[in-house]
Full PDB file with SEQRES, HELIX, SHEET, SSBOND, CRYST1, ORIGX, SCALE, CONECT and MASTER records, all heavy atoms in Angstrom:
SEQRES   1 A   31  THR VAL LEU ARG ILE LEU ASP ILE ASP ALA ILE ARG TYR          
SEQRES   2 A   31  ARG PRO GLY ASP PRO GLY GLU VAL VAL LEU SER ARG ILE          
SEQRES   3 A   31  LEU ASP ALA LEU GLU                                          
HELIX    1 AA1 VAL A    2  LEU A    6  1                                   5    
HELIX    2 AA2 GLY A   19  LEU A   30  1                                  12    
CRYST1    1.000    1.000    1.000  90.00  90.00  90.00 P 1           1          
ORIGX1      1.000000  0.000000  0.000000        0.00000                         
ORIGX2      0.000000  1.000000  0.000000        0.00000                         
ORIGX3      0.000000  0.000000  1.000000        0.00000                         
SCALE1      1.000000  0.000000  0.000000        0.00000                         
SCALE2      0.000000  1.000000  0.000000        0.00000                         
SCALE3      0.000000  0.000000  1.000000        0.00000                         
ATOM      1  N   THR A   1      -4.948 -14.090  14.188  1.00  0.00           N  
ATOM      2  CA  THR A   1      -5.572 -13.396  13.018  1.00  0.00           C  
ATOM      3  C   THR A   1      -4.627 -12.575  12.248  1.00  0.00           C  
ATOM      4  O   THR A   1      -4.568 -12.663  10.965  1.00  0.00           O  
ATOM      5  CB  THR A   1      -6.760 -12.528  13.452  1.00  0.00           C  
ATOM      6  OG1 THR A   1      -7.788 -13.338  14.092  1.00  0.00           O  
ATOM      7  CG2 THR A   1      -7.418 -11.803  12.338  1.00  0.00           C  
ATOM      8  N   VAL A   2      -3.746 -11.812  12.887  1.00  0.00           N  
ATOM      9  CA  VAL A   2      -2.788 -11.010  12.147  1.00  0.00           C  
ATOM     10  C   VAL A   2      -1.806 -11.932  11.427  1.00  0.00           C  
ATOM     11  O   VAL A   2      -1.492 -11.654  10.224  1.00  0.00           O  
ATOM     12  CB  VAL A   2      -1.989 -10.098  13.176  1.00  0.00           C  
ATOM     13  CG1 VAL A   2      -0.802  -9.519  12.463  1.00  0.00           C  
ATOM     14  CG2 VAL A   2      -2.912  -9.048  13.741  1.00  0.00           C  
ATOM     15  N   LEU A   3      -1.408 -13.036  12.073  1.00  0.00           N  
ATOM     16  CA  LEU A   3      -0.483 -13.957  11.331  1.00  0.00           C  
ATOM     17  C   LEU A   3      -1.200 -14.558  10.070  1.00  0.00           C  
ATOM     18  O   LEU A   3      -0.538 -14.695   9.029  1.00  0.00           O  
ATOM     19  CB  LEU A   3      -0.057 -15.073  12.271  1.00  0.00           C  
ATOM     20  CG  LEU A   3       0.908 -14.631  13.404  1.00  0.00           C  
ATOM     21  CD1 LEU A   3       1.038 -15.727  14.436  1.00  0.00           C  
ATOM     22  CD2 LEU A   3       2.254 -14.162  12.835  1.00  0.00           C  
ATOM     23  N   ARG A   4      -2.467 -14.827  10.230  1.00  0.00           N  
ATOM     24  CA  ARG A   4      -3.181 -15.281   9.019  1.00  0.00           C  
ATOM     25  C   ARG A   4      -3.299 -14.268   7.907  1.00  0.00           C  
ATOM     26  O   ARG A   4      -3.174 -14.534   6.731  1.00  0.00           O  
ATOM     27  CB  ARG A   4      -4.559 -15.890   9.368  1.00  0.00           C  
ATOM     28  CG  ARG A   4      -4.527 -17.183  10.089  1.00  0.00           C  
ATOM     29  CD  ARG A   4      -5.888 -17.874  10.264  1.00  0.00           C  
ATOM     30  NE  ARG A   4      -6.907 -17.055  10.883  1.00  0.00           N  
ATOM     31  CZ  ARG A   4      -7.060 -16.963  12.181  1.00  0.00           C  
ATOM     32  NH1 ARG A   4      -6.323 -17.659  12.995  1.00  0.00           N  
ATOM     33  NH2 ARG A   4      -8.025 -16.185  12.694  1.00  0.00           N  
ATOM     34  N   ILE A   5      -3.555 -13.043   8.339  1.00  0.00           N  
ATOM     35  CA  ILE A   5      -3.641 -11.947   7.344  1.00  0.00           C  
ATOM     36  C   ILE A   5      -2.329 -11.768   6.604  1.00  0.00           C  
ATOM     37  O   ILE A   5      -2.232 -11.631   5.383  1.00  0.00           O  
ATOM     38  CB  ILE A   5      -4.024 -10.610   8.062  1.00  0.00           C  
ATOM     39  CG1 ILE A   5      -5.507 -10.719   8.439  1.00  0.00           C  
ATOM     40  CG2 ILE A   5      -3.816  -9.377   7.120  1.00  0.00           C  
ATOM     41  CD1 ILE A   5      -5.933  -9.597   9.371  1.00  0.00           C  
ATOM     42  N   LEU A   6      -1.204 -11.852   7.375  1.00  0.00           N  
ATOM     43  CA  LEU A   6       0.054 -11.652   6.773  1.00  0.00           C  
ATOM     44  C   LEU A   6       0.425 -12.803   5.778  1.00  0.00           C  
ATOM     45  O   LEU A   6       1.305 -12.638   4.961  1.00  0.00           O  
ATOM     46  CB  LEU A   6       1.205 -11.565   7.843  1.00  0.00           C  
ATOM     47  CG  LEU A   6       1.121 -10.310   8.714  1.00  0.00           C  
ATOM     48  CD1 LEU A   6       2.198 -10.439   9.872  1.00  0.00           C  
ATOM     49  CD2 LEU A   6       1.300  -9.086   7.901  1.00  0.00           C  
ATOM     50  N   ASP A   7      -0.231 -13.928   5.935  1.00  0.00           N  
ATOM     51  CA  ASP A   7      -0.006 -15.063   5.044  1.00  0.00           C  
ATOM     52  C   ASP A   7      -0.888 -15.069   3.823  1.00  0.00           C  
ATOM     53  O   ASP A   7      -0.701 -15.877   2.894  1.00  0.00           O  
ATOM     54  CB  ASP A   7      -0.277 -16.386   5.860  1.00  0.00           C  
ATOM     55  CG  ASP A   7       0.433 -17.577   5.223  1.00  0.00           C  
ATOM     56  OD1 ASP A   7       1.516 -17.436   4.684  1.00  0.00           O  
ATOM     57  OD2 ASP A   7      -0.108 -18.671   5.332  1.00  0.00           O  
ATOM     58  N   ILE A   8      -1.824 -14.112   3.655  1.00  0.00           N  
ATOM     59  CA  ILE A   8      -2.650 -13.979   2.452  1.00  0.00           C  
ATOM     60  C   ILE A   8      -1.819 -13.612   1.262  1.00  0.00           C  
ATOM     61  O   ILE A   8      -0.982 -12.719   1.353  1.00  0.00           O  
ATOM     62  CB  ILE A   8      -3.774 -12.909   2.709  1.00  0.00           C  
ATOM     63  CG1 ILE A   8      -4.727 -13.428   3.815  1.00  0.00           C  
ATOM     64  CG2 ILE A   8      -4.557 -12.672   1.429  1.00  0.00           C  
ATOM     65  CD1 ILE A   8      -5.738 -12.334   4.289  1.00  0.00           C  
ATOM     66  N   ASP A   9      -2.008 -14.333   0.186  1.00  0.00           N  
ATOM     67  CA  ASP A   9      -1.226 -14.127  -1.048  1.00  0.00           C  
ATOM     68  C   ASP A   9      -1.212 -12.644  -1.475  1.00  0.00           C  
ATOM     69  O   ASP A   9      -0.102 -12.153  -1.857  1.00  0.00           O  
ATOM     70  CB  ASP A   9      -1.675 -14.996  -2.188  1.00  0.00           C  
ATOM     71  CG  ASP A   9      -1.328 -16.434  -2.011  1.00  0.00           C  
ATOM     72  OD1 ASP A   9      -0.303 -16.712  -1.267  1.00  0.00           O  
ATOM     73  OD2 ASP A   9      -1.924 -17.280  -2.691  1.00  0.00           O  
ATOM     74  N   ALA A  10      -2.281 -11.984  -1.459  1.00  0.00           N  
ATOM     75  CA  ALA A  10      -2.418 -10.580  -1.926  1.00  0.00           C  
ATOM     76  C   ALA A  10      -1.615  -9.618  -1.042  1.00  0.00           C  
ATOM     77  O   ALA A  10      -1.195  -8.583  -1.464  1.00  0.00           O  
ATOM     78  CB  ALA A  10      -3.872 -10.114  -2.038  1.00  0.00           C  
ATOM     79  N   ILE A  11      -1.395 -10.007   0.247  1.00  0.00           N  
ATOM     80  CA  ILE A  11      -0.658  -9.128   1.091  1.00  0.00           C  
ATOM     81  C   ILE A  11       0.828  -9.369   0.972  1.00  0.00           C  
ATOM     82  O   ILE A  11       1.647  -8.515   0.993  1.00  0.00           O  
ATOM     83  CB  ILE A  11      -1.059  -9.343   2.567  1.00  0.00           C  
ATOM     84  CG1 ILE A  11      -2.542  -9.070   2.735  1.00  0.00           C  
ATOM     85  CG2 ILE A  11      -0.254  -8.498   3.546  1.00  0.00           C  
ATOM     86  CD1 ILE A  11      -3.011  -7.721   2.253  1.00  0.00           C  
ATOM     87  N   ARG A  12       1.185 -10.655   0.848  1.00  0.00           N  
ATOM     88  CA  ARG A  12       2.598 -11.046   0.552  1.00  0.00           C  
ATOM     89  C   ARG A  12       3.624 -10.461   1.483  1.00  0.00           C  
ATOM     90  O   ARG A  12       4.625  -9.928   1.073  1.00  0.00           O  
ATOM     91  CB  ARG A  12       2.984 -10.724  -0.832  1.00  0.00           C  
ATOM     92  CG  ARG A  12       2.287 -11.633  -1.844  1.00  0.00           C  
ATOM     93  CD  ARG A  12       3.110 -11.714  -3.107  1.00  0.00           C  
ATOM     94  NE  ARG A  12       2.210 -12.444  -4.066  1.00  0.00           N  
ATOM     95  CZ  ARG A  12       1.712 -11.807  -5.126  1.00  0.00           C  
ATOM     96  NH1 ARG A  12       2.032 -10.555  -5.400  1.00  0.00           N  
ATOM     97  NH2 ARG A  12       0.962 -12.538  -5.962  1.00  0.00           N  
ATOM     98  N   TYR A  13       3.388 -10.604   2.808  1.00  0.00           N  
ATOM     99  CA  TYR A  13       4.375 -10.209   3.782  1.00  0.00           C  
ATOM    100  C   TYR A  13       5.599 -11.105   3.567  1.00  0.00           C  
ATOM    101  O   TYR A  13       5.476 -12.337   3.482  1.00  0.00           O  
ATOM    102  CB  TYR A  13       3.910 -10.348   5.246  1.00  0.00           C  
ATOM    103  CG  TYR A  13       5.018 -10.336   6.201  1.00  0.00           C  
ATOM    104  CD1 TYR A  13       5.642  -9.116   6.499  1.00  0.00           C  
ATOM    105  CD2 TYR A  13       5.530 -11.455   6.809  1.00  0.00           C  
ATOM    106  CE1 TYR A  13       6.705  -9.056   7.338  1.00  0.00           C  
ATOM    107  CE2 TYR A  13       6.537 -11.432   7.708  1.00  0.00           C  
ATOM    108  CZ  TYR A  13       7.168 -10.136   7.979  1.00  0.00           C  
ATOM    109  OH  TYR A  13       8.212 -10.115   8.827  1.00  0.00           O  
ATOM    110  N   ARG A  14       6.765 -10.508   3.526  1.00  0.00           N  
ATOM    111  CA  ARG A  14       8.065 -11.230   3.564  1.00  0.00           C  
ATOM    112  C   ARG A  14       8.872 -10.609   4.630  1.00  0.00           C  
ATOM    113  O   ARG A  14       8.917  -9.435   4.879  1.00  0.00           O  
ATOM    114  CB  ARG A  14       8.787 -11.024   2.178  1.00  0.00           C  
ATOM    115  CG  ARG A  14       8.028 -11.702   1.003  1.00  0.00           C  
ATOM    116  CD  ARG A  14       8.591 -11.215  -0.337  1.00  0.00           C  
ATOM    117  NE  ARG A  14       8.436  -9.768  -0.541  1.00  0.00           N  
ATOM    118  CZ  ARG A  14       7.451  -9.181  -1.127  1.00  0.00           C  
ATOM    119  NH1 ARG A  14       6.535  -9.928  -1.748  1.00  0.00           N  
ATOM    120  NH2 ARG A  14       7.383  -7.862  -1.281  1.00  0.00           N  
ATOM    121  N   PRO A  15       9.638 -11.553   5.378  1.00  0.00           N  
ATOM    122  CA  PRO A  15      10.508 -11.005   6.476  1.00  0.00           C  
ATOM    123  C   PRO A  15      11.440  -9.856   5.982  1.00  0.00           C  
ATOM    124  O   PRO A  15      11.945  -9.973   4.857  1.00  0.00           O  
ATOM    125  CB  PRO A  15      11.307 -12.216   6.868  1.00  0.00           C  
ATOM    126  CG  PRO A  15      10.392 -13.411   6.564  1.00  0.00           C  
ATOM    127  CD  PRO A  15       9.654 -13.004   5.268  1.00  0.00           C  
ATOM    128  N   GLY A  16      11.389  -8.812   6.630  1.00  0.00           N  
ATOM    129  CA  GLY A  16      12.194  -7.667   6.292  1.00  0.00           C  
ATOM    130  C   GLY A  16      11.331  -6.596   5.590  1.00  0.00           C  
ATOM    131  O   GLY A  16      11.819  -5.448   5.506  1.00  0.00           O  
ATOM    132  N   ASP A  17      10.141  -6.914   5.195  1.00  0.00           N  
ATOM    133  CA  ASP A  17       9.288  -5.824   4.600  1.00  0.00           C  
ATOM    134  C   ASP A  17       9.019  -4.808   5.684  1.00  0.00           C  
ATOM    135  O   ASP A  17       8.657  -5.193   6.800  1.00  0.00           O  
ATOM    136  CB  ASP A  17       7.941  -6.449   4.171  1.00  0.00           C  
ATOM    137  CG  ASP A  17       7.941  -7.135   2.823  1.00  0.00           C  
ATOM    138  OD1 ASP A  17       9.037  -7.100   2.169  1.00  0.00           O  
ATOM    139  OD2 ASP A  17       6.971  -7.758   2.435  1.00  0.00           O  
ATOM    140  N   PRO A  18       9.121  -3.527   5.441  1.00  0.00           N  
ATOM    141  CA  PRO A  18       8.877  -2.563   6.429  1.00  0.00           C  
ATOM    142  C   PRO A  18       7.395  -2.614   6.875  1.00  0.00           C  
ATOM    143  O   PRO A  18       6.491  -2.816   6.065  1.00  0.00           O  
ATOM    144  CB  PRO A  18       9.133  -1.221   5.771  1.00  0.00           C  
ATOM    145  CG  PRO A  18      10.057  -1.578   4.631  1.00  0.00           C  
ATOM    146  CD  PRO A  18       9.657  -2.963   4.198  1.00  0.00           C  
ATOM    147  N   GLY A  19       7.161  -2.601   8.185  1.00  0.00           N  
ATOM    148  CA  GLY A  19       5.810  -2.732   8.734  1.00  0.00           C  
ATOM    149  C   GLY A  19       4.828  -1.732   8.089  1.00  0.00           C  
ATOM    150  O   GLY A  19       3.665  -2.116   7.771  1.00  0.00           O  
ATOM    151  N   GLU A  20       5.233  -0.514   7.867  1.00  0.00           N  
ATOM    152  CA  GLU A  20       4.403   0.489   7.351  1.00  0.00           C  
ATOM    153  C   GLU A  20       3.921   0.161   5.912  1.00  0.00           C  
ATOM    154  O   GLU A  20       2.871   0.475   5.527  1.00  0.00           O  
ATOM    155  CB  GLU A  20       4.999   1.900   7.426  1.00  0.00           C  
ATOM    156  CG  GLU A  20       5.205   2.424   8.847  1.00  0.00           C  
ATOM    157  CD  GLU A  20       3.849   2.652   9.608  1.00  0.00           C  
ATOM    158  OE1 GLU A  20       2.846   2.923   8.889  1.00  0.00           O  
ATOM    159  OE2 GLU A  20       3.893   2.569  10.766  1.00  0.00           O  
ATOM    160  N   VAL A  21       4.850  -0.420   5.162  1.00  0.00           N  
ATOM    161  CA  VAL A  21       4.545  -0.905   3.789  1.00  0.00           C  
ATOM    162  C   VAL A  21       3.463  -1.971   3.832  1.00  0.00           C  
ATOM    163  O   VAL A  21       2.504  -1.952   3.067  1.00  0.00           O  
ATOM    164  CB  VAL A  21       5.766  -1.341   3.046  1.00  0.00           C  
ATOM    165  CG1 VAL A  21       5.431  -1.946   1.661  1.00  0.00           C  
ATOM    166  CG2 VAL A  21       6.754  -0.148   2.807  1.00  0.00           C  
ATOM    167  N   VAL A  22       3.687  -2.940   4.717  1.00  0.00           N  
ATOM    168  CA  VAL A  22       2.675  -4.027   4.843  1.00  0.00           C  
ATOM    169  C   VAL A  22       1.338  -3.535   5.272  1.00  0.00           C  
ATOM    170  O   VAL A  22       0.269  -3.883   4.781  1.00  0.00           O  
ATOM    171  CB  VAL A  22       3.202  -5.117   5.799  1.00  0.00           C  
ATOM    172  CG1 VAL A  22       2.197  -6.206   5.986  1.00  0.00           C  
ATOM    173  CG2 VAL A  22       4.502  -5.689   5.329  1.00  0.00           C  
ATOM    174  N   LEU A  23       1.323  -2.546   6.305  1.00  0.00           N  
ATOM    175  CA  LEU A  23       0.109  -1.950   6.729  1.00  0.00           C  
ATOM    176  C   LEU A  23      -0.579  -1.259   5.567  1.00  0.00           C  
ATOM    177  O   LEU A  23      -1.776  -1.404   5.479  1.00  0.00           O  
ATOM    178  CB  LEU A  23       0.443  -0.979   7.898  1.00  0.00           C  
ATOM    179  CG  LEU A  23      -0.745  -0.170   8.390  1.00  0.00           C  
ATOM    180  CD1 LEU A  23      -1.862  -1.071   8.910  1.00  0.00           C  
ATOM    181  CD2 LEU A  23      -0.234   0.765   9.468  1.00  0.00           C  
ATOM    182  N   SER A  24       0.141  -0.558   4.776  1.00  0.00           N  
ATOM    183  CA  SER A  24      -0.471   0.140   3.605  1.00  0.00           C  
ATOM    184  C   SER A  24      -1.058  -0.800   2.654  1.00  0.00           C  
ATOM    185  O   SER A  24      -2.184  -0.555   2.165  1.00  0.00           O  
ATOM    186  CB  SER A  24       0.669   1.006   2.931  1.00  0.00           C  
ATOM    187  OG  SER A  24       0.111   1.622   1.759  1.00  0.00           O  
ATOM    188  N   ARG A  25      -0.440  -1.999   2.424  1.00  0.00           N  
ATOM    189  CA  ARG A  25      -1.056  -2.971   1.594  1.00  0.00           C  
ATOM    190  C   ARG A  25      -2.324  -3.509   2.119  1.00  0.00           C  
ATOM    191  O   ARG A  25      -3.333  -3.657   1.402  1.00  0.00           O  
ATOM    192  CB  ARG A  25      -0.110  -4.185   1.388  1.00  0.00           C  
ATOM    193  CG  ARG A  25       0.984  -4.078   0.351  1.00  0.00           C  
ATOM    194  CD  ARG A  25       1.717  -5.413   0.235  1.00  0.00           C  
ATOM    195  NE  ARG A  25       3.067  -5.113   0.048  1.00  0.00           N  
ATOM    196  CZ  ARG A  25       4.128  -5.767   0.602  1.00  0.00           C  
ATOM    197  NH1 ARG A  25       3.896  -6.790   1.375  1.00  0.00           N  
ATOM    198  NH2 ARG A  25       5.342  -5.375   0.420  1.00  0.00           N  
ATOM    199  N   ILE A  26      -2.369  -3.748   3.446  1.00  0.00           N  
ATOM    200  CA  ILE A  26      -3.500  -4.216   4.069  1.00  0.00           C  
ATOM    201  C   ILE A  26      -4.676  -3.266   3.998  1.00  0.00           C  
ATOM    202  O   ILE A  26      -5.858  -3.552   3.707  1.00  0.00           O  
ATOM    203  CB  ILE A  26      -3.257  -4.715   5.488  1.00  0.00           C  
ATOM    204  CG1 ILE A  26      -2.371  -5.861   5.511  1.00  0.00           C  
ATOM    205  CG2 ILE A  26      -4.560  -4.982   6.298  1.00  0.00           C  
ATOM    206  CD1 ILE A  26      -1.796  -6.305   6.863  1.00  0.00           C  
ATOM    207  N   LEU A  27      -4.382  -1.949   4.281  1.00  0.00           N  
ATOM    208  CA  LEU A  27      -5.393  -0.924   4.214  1.00  0.00           C  
ATOM    209  C   LEU A  27      -5.910  -0.764   2.738  1.00  0.00           C  
ATOM    210  O   LEU A  27      -7.097  -0.600   2.585  1.00  0.00           O  
ATOM    211  CB  LEU A  27      -4.803   0.378   4.694  1.00  0.00           C  
ATOM    212  CG  LEU A  27      -4.587   0.480   6.163  1.00  0.00           C  
ATOM    213  CD1 LEU A  27      -3.790   1.678   6.556  1.00  0.00           C  
ATOM    214  CD2 LEU A  27      -5.876   0.340   7.054  1.00  0.00           C  
ATOM    215  N   ASP A  28      -5.034  -0.927   1.775  1.00  0.00           N  
ATOM    216  CA  ASP A  28      -5.500  -0.857   0.388  1.00  0.00           C  
ATOM    217  C   ASP A  28      -6.411  -2.031   0.030  1.00  0.00           C  
ATOM    218  O   ASP A  28      -7.402  -1.903  -0.621  1.00  0.00           O  
ATOM    219  CB  ASP A  28      -4.248  -0.857  -0.587  1.00  0.00           C  
ATOM    220  CG  ASP A  28      -3.498   0.384  -0.573  1.00  0.00           C  
ATOM    221  OD1 ASP A  28      -3.943   1.450  -0.054  1.00  0.00           O  
ATOM    222  OD2 ASP A  28      -2.333   0.361  -1.171  1.00  0.00           O  
ATOM    223  N   ALA A  29      -6.053  -3.256   0.595  1.00  0.00           N  
ATOM    224  CA  ALA A  29      -6.900  -4.411   0.320  1.00  0.00           C  
ATOM    225  C   ALA A  29      -8.229  -4.283   1.020  1.00  0.00           C  
ATOM    226  O   ALA A  29      -9.297  -4.582   0.437  1.00  0.00           O  
ATOM    227  CB  ALA A  29      -6.205  -5.648   0.863  1.00  0.00           C  
ATOM    228  N   LEU A  30      -8.257  -3.690   2.218  1.00  0.00           N  
ATOM    229  CA  LEU A  30      -9.561  -3.423   2.891  1.00  0.00           C  
ATOM    230  C   LEU A  30     -10.385  -2.431   2.218  1.00  0.00           C  
ATOM    231  O   LEU A  30     -11.595  -2.591   2.097  1.00  0.00           O  
ATOM    232  CB  LEU A  30      -9.297  -3.023   4.345  1.00  0.00           C  
ATOM    233  CG  LEU A  30      -8.724  -4.074   5.329  1.00  0.00           C  
ATOM    234  CD1 LEU A  30      -8.284  -3.411   6.621  1.00  0.00           C  
ATOM    235  CD2 LEU A  30      -9.745  -5.184   5.511  1.00  0.00           C  
ATOM    236  N   GLU A  31      -9.720  -1.391   1.701  1.00  0.00           N  
ATOM    237  CA  GLU A  31     -10.484  -0.316   0.992  1.00  0.00           C  
ATOM    238  C   GLU A  31     -11.060  -0.898  -0.307  1.00  0.00           C  
ATOM    239  O   GLU A  31     -12.177  -0.602  -0.676  1.00  0.00           O  
ATOM    240  CB  GLU A  31      -9.506   0.810   0.691  1.00  0.00           C  
ATOM    241  CG  GLU A  31     -10.254   2.071   0.095  1.00  0.00           C  
ATOM    242  CD  GLU A  31      -9.372   3.243   0.088  1.00  0.00           C  
ATOM    243  OE1 GLU A  31      -8.424   3.228  -0.634  1.00  0.00           O  
ATOM    244  OE2 GLU A  31      -9.642   4.193   0.854  1.00  0.00           O  
TER     245      GLU A  31                                                      
MASTER        0    0    0    2    0    0    0    6  244    1    0    3          
END                                                                             
């Protein structure tokens, strides 16, 4: 599930993105 979330276009995880930045994007999307 986490891998699928990271693959969502709006989240746009890219290797090297700081984990806290990606987490912040996900929390913003959930909010």
